[in-house]
Amino acid sequence: MTSLVLLFFGLPSGSEWFIILLVILLLFGGKKIPELMRGLGKGVKSFKEGVNEAKEEIDKAKEEVDKPVEKK
């Protein structure tokens, strides 16, 4: 089943990438592409920061759970 999915929805080859880039260039124009890439970069950076914050919160919670209970 997996190989069938990859057969129909696999990654584009070299010539397909060229056609995809050409369509993007025609749709957005040469001046808009740097703005789109800049926005994409900011989005990826924001996503990574969010993932790192979530990992830190999980690590803090794990440390609190792993602390020994103080007896009085």
N, C-alpha and C. Protein backbone atom coordinates (compact mmCIF):
# COMPACT_ATOMS: atom_id res chain seq x y z
N MET A 1 0.83 -1.19 0.00
CA MET A 1 0.00 0.00 0.00
C MET A 1 0.87 1.25 0.00
N THR A 2 1.92 1.27 0.83
CA THR A 2 2.79 2.43 0.92
C THR A 2 3.47 2.71 -0.41
N SER A 3 3.96 1.67 -1.09
CA SER A 3 4.62 1.87 -2.37
C SER A 3 3.64 2.40 -3.41
N LEU A 4 2.38 2.02 -3.32
CA LEU A 4 1.38 2.53 -4.24
C LEU A 4 1.15 4.02 -4.02
N VAL A 5 1.10 4.44 -2.76
CA VAL A 5 0.94 5.86 -2.45
C VAL A 5 2.15 6.64 -2.95
N LEU A 6 3.34 6.13 -2.74
CA LEU A 6 4.54 6.82 -3.20
C LEU A 6 4.60 6.87 -4.73
N LEU A 7 4.05 5.88 -5.38
CA LEU A 7 4.04 5.86 -6.84
C LEU A 7 3.22 7.02 -7.39
N PHE A 8 2.05 7.26 -6.78
CA PHE A 8 1.17 8.31 -7.27
C PHE A 8 1.47 9.69 -6.67
N PHE A 9 1.93 9.73 -5.44
CA PHE A 9 2.14 11.00 -4.76
C PHE A 9 3.59 11.20 -4.35
N GLY A 10 4.53 10.65 -5.07
CA GLY A 10 5.94 10.76 -4.74
C GLY A 10 6.47 12.16 -4.97
N LEU A 11 7.71 12.36 -4.62
CA LEU A 11 8.34 13.66 -4.81
C LEU A 11 8.56 13.93 -6.29
N PRO A 12 8.44 15.19 -6.68
CA PRO A 12 8.66 15.53 -8.09
C PRO A 12 10.11 15.31 -8.50
N SER A 13 10.28 14.97 -9.78
CA SER A 13 11.64 14.80 -10.31
C SER A 13 12.18 16.15 -10.78
N GLY A 14 13.35 16.17 -11.40
CA GLY A 14 14.01 17.41 -11.80
C GLY A 14 13.18 18.28 -12.71
N SER A 15 12.63 17.72 -13.77
CA SER A 15 11.85 18.52 -14.71
C SER A 15 10.55 19.02 -14.07
N GLU A 16 9.97 18.25 -13.18
CA GLU A 16 8.75 18.69 -12.50
C GLU A 16 9.02 19.87 -11.57
N TRP A 17 10.18 19.86 -10.92
CA TRP A 17 10.56 21.00 -10.07
C TRP A 17 10.69 22.27 -10.91
N PHE A 18 11.25 22.13 -12.10
CA PHE A 18 11.41 23.28 -12.99
C PHE A 18 10.05 23.86 -13.36
N ILE A 19 9.10 23.00 -13.67
CA ILE A 19 7.75 23.45 -14.03
C ILE A 19 7.07 24.12 -12.83
N ILE A 20 7.24 23.54 -11.65
CA ILE A 20 6.65 24.12 -10.43
C ILE A 20 7.23 25.50 -10.18
N LEU A 21 8.55 25.65 -10.28
CA LEU A 21 9.17 26.95 -10.07
C LEU A 21 8.73 27.97 -11.12
N LEU A 22 8.56 27.54 -12.35
CA LEU A 22 8.09 28.42 -13.42
C LEU A 22 6.67 28.91 -13.14
N VAL A 23 5.81 28.02 -12.68
CA VAL A 23 4.43 28.41 -12.35
C VAL A 23 4.42 29.40 -11.19
N ILE A 24 5.24 29.16 -10.18
CA ILE A 24 5.32 30.09 -9.04
C ILE A 24 5.80 31.45 -9.51
N LEU A 25 6.80 31.48 -10.36
CA LEU A 25 7.32 32.73 -10.90
C LEU A 25 6.24 33.47 -11.68
N LEU A 26 5.47 32.75 -12.48
CA LEU A 26 4.41 33.39 -13.27
C LEU A 26 3.28 33.90 -12.38
N LEU A 27 2.94 33.16 -11.33
CA LEU A 27 1.84 33.56 -10.46
C LEU A 27 2.18 34.78 -9.60
N PHE A 28 3.39 34.77 -9.03
CA PHE A 28 3.72 35.81 -8.05
C PHE A 28 4.63 36.89 -8.60
N GLY A 29 5.33 36.64 -9.67
CA GLY A 29 6.25 37.64 -10.21
C GLY A 29 7.57 37.61 -9.47
N GLY A 30 8.59 38.15 -10.10
CA GLY A 30 9.94 38.11 -9.54
C GLY A 30 10.11 38.94 -8.29
N LYS A 31 9.32 40.01 -8.15
CA LYS A 31 9.48 40.91 -6.99
C LYS A 31 8.83 40.35 -5.73
N LYS A 32 7.82 39.53 -5.88
CA LYS A 32 7.10 39.00 -4.71
C LYS A 32 7.77 37.76 -4.12
N ILE A 33 8.56 37.05 -4.89
CA ILE A 33 9.16 35.80 -4.41
C ILE A 33 10.07 36.02 -3.19
N PRO A 34 10.96 37.04 -3.19
CA PRO A 34 11.76 37.24 -1.96
C PRO A 34 10.90 37.53 -0.73
N GLU A 35 9.81 38.26 -0.93
CA GLU A 35 8.91 38.53 0.21
C GLU A 35 8.26 37.23 0.69
N LEU A 36 7.86 36.39 -0.23
CA LEU A 36 7.27 35.11 0.15
C LEU A 36 8.26 34.24 0.91
N MET A 37 9.50 34.20 0.43
CA MET A 37 10.53 33.38 1.09
C MET A 37 10.86 33.94 2.47
N ARG A 38 10.89 35.26 2.58
CA ARG A 38 11.15 35.89 3.88
C ARG A 38 10.05 35.53 4.87
N GLY A 39 8.80 35.59 4.42
CA GLY A 39 7.67 35.22 5.27
C GLY A 39 7.72 33.75 5.65
N LEU A 40 8.11 32.91 4.69
CA LEU A 40 8.23 31.48 4.97
C LEU A 40 9.33 31.24 6.01
N GLY A 41 10.44 31.94 5.89
CA GLY A 41 11.53 31.81 6.86
C GLY A 41 11.11 32.24 8.25
N LYS A 42 10.36 33.34 8.33
CA LYS A 42 9.88 33.80 9.64
C LYS A 42 8.91 32.78 10.25
N GLY A 43 8.09 32.19 9.40
CA GLY A 43 7.15 31.18 9.89
C GLY A 43 7.86 29.95 10.43
N VAL A 44 8.89 29.51 9.72
CA VAL A 44 9.66 28.34 10.17
C VAL A 44 10.38 28.66 11.47
N LYS A 45 10.95 29.87 11.57
CA LYS A 45 11.65 30.28 12.79
C LYS A 45 10.68 30.31 13.97
N SER A 46 9.50 30.86 13.75
CA SER A 46 8.49 30.92 14.80
C SER A 46 8.06 29.53 15.24
N PHE A 47 7.89 28.63 14.28
CA PHE A 47 7.52 27.26 14.59
C PHE A 47 8.59 26.58 15.44
N LYS A 48 9.86 26.77 15.07
CA LYS A 48 10.95 26.15 15.83
C LYS A 48 11.01 26.71 17.25
N GLU A 49 10.79 28.02 17.39
CA GLU A 49 10.78 28.62 18.73
C GLU A 49 9.65 28.03 19.56
N GLY A 50 8.49 27.85 18.96
CA GLY A 50 7.36 27.25 19.67
C GLY A 50 7.65 25.82 20.11
N VAL A 51 8.28 25.06 19.24
CA VAL A 51 8.64 23.67 19.58
C VAL A 51 9.64 23.67 20.73
N ASN A 52 10.64 24.56 20.68
CA ASN A 52 11.64 24.61 21.75
C ASN A 52 11.01 25.02 23.07
N GLU A 53 10.07 25.97 23.04
CA GLU A 53 9.38 26.37 24.27
C GLU A 53 8.57 25.21 24.85
N ALA A 54 7.91 24.47 23.99
CA ALA A 54 7.13 23.33 24.46
C ALA A 54 8.04 22.28 25.08
N LYS A 55 9.20 22.03 24.45
CA LYS A 55 10.15 21.06 25.02
C LYS A 55 10.64 21.51 26.39
N GLU A 56 10.93 22.81 26.53
CA GLU A 56 11.39 23.33 27.82
C GLU A 56 10.32 23.16 28.90
N GLU A 57 9.07 23.44 28.55
CA GLU A 57 7.98 23.27 29.52
C GLU A 57 7.81 21.81 29.92
N ILE A 58 7.93 20.93 28.96
CA ILE A 58 7.82 19.50 29.26
C ILE A 58 8.97 19.06 30.15
N ASP A 59 10.19 19.54 29.87
CA ASP A 59 11.34 19.19 30.71
C ASP A 59 11.18 19.72 32.12
N LYS A 60 10.66 20.94 32.28
CA LYS A 60 10.44 21.51 33.62
C LYS A 60 9.42 20.68 34.37
N ALA A 61 8.34 20.32 33.71
CA ALA A 61 7.30 19.51 34.36
C ALA A 61 7.85 18.15 34.76
N LYS A 62 8.69 17.58 33.91
CA LYS A 62 9.28 16.27 34.21
C LYS A 62 10.20 16.37 35.43
N GLU A 63 10.99 17.46 35.51
CA GLU A 63 11.88 17.65 36.66
C GLU A 63 11.08 17.80 37.95
N GLU A 64 9.94 18.51 37.88
CA GLU A 64 9.11 18.69 39.06
C GLU A 64 8.51 17.36 39.51
N VAL A 65 8.14 16.54 38.57
CA VAL A 65 7.57 15.23 38.91
C VAL A 65 8.63 14.32 39.49
N ASP A 66 9.85 14.41 38.98
CA ASP A 66 10.93 13.54 39.42
C ASP A 66 11.56 13.97 40.74
N LYS A 67 11.24 15.19 41.26
CA LYS A 67 11.81 15.64 42.52
C LYS A 67 11.34 14.74 43.65
N PRO A 68 12.25 14.42 44.58
CA PRO A 68 11.80 13.63 45.74
C PRO A 68 10.92 14.49 46.64
N VAL A 69 9.96 13.87 47.29
CA VAL A 69 9.04 14.58 48.17
C VAL A 69 9.76 14.81 49.50
N GLU A 70 9.72 16.06 49.98
CA GLU A 70 10.36 16.39 51.26
C GLU A 70 9.45 15.95 52.40
N LYS A 71 10.06 15.21 53.36
CA LYS A 71 9.30 14.77 54.52
C LYS A 71 9.59 15.71 55.67
N LYS A 72 8.55 16.05 56.44
CA LYS A 72 8.72 16.96 57.58
C LYS A 72 8.69 16.21 58.88
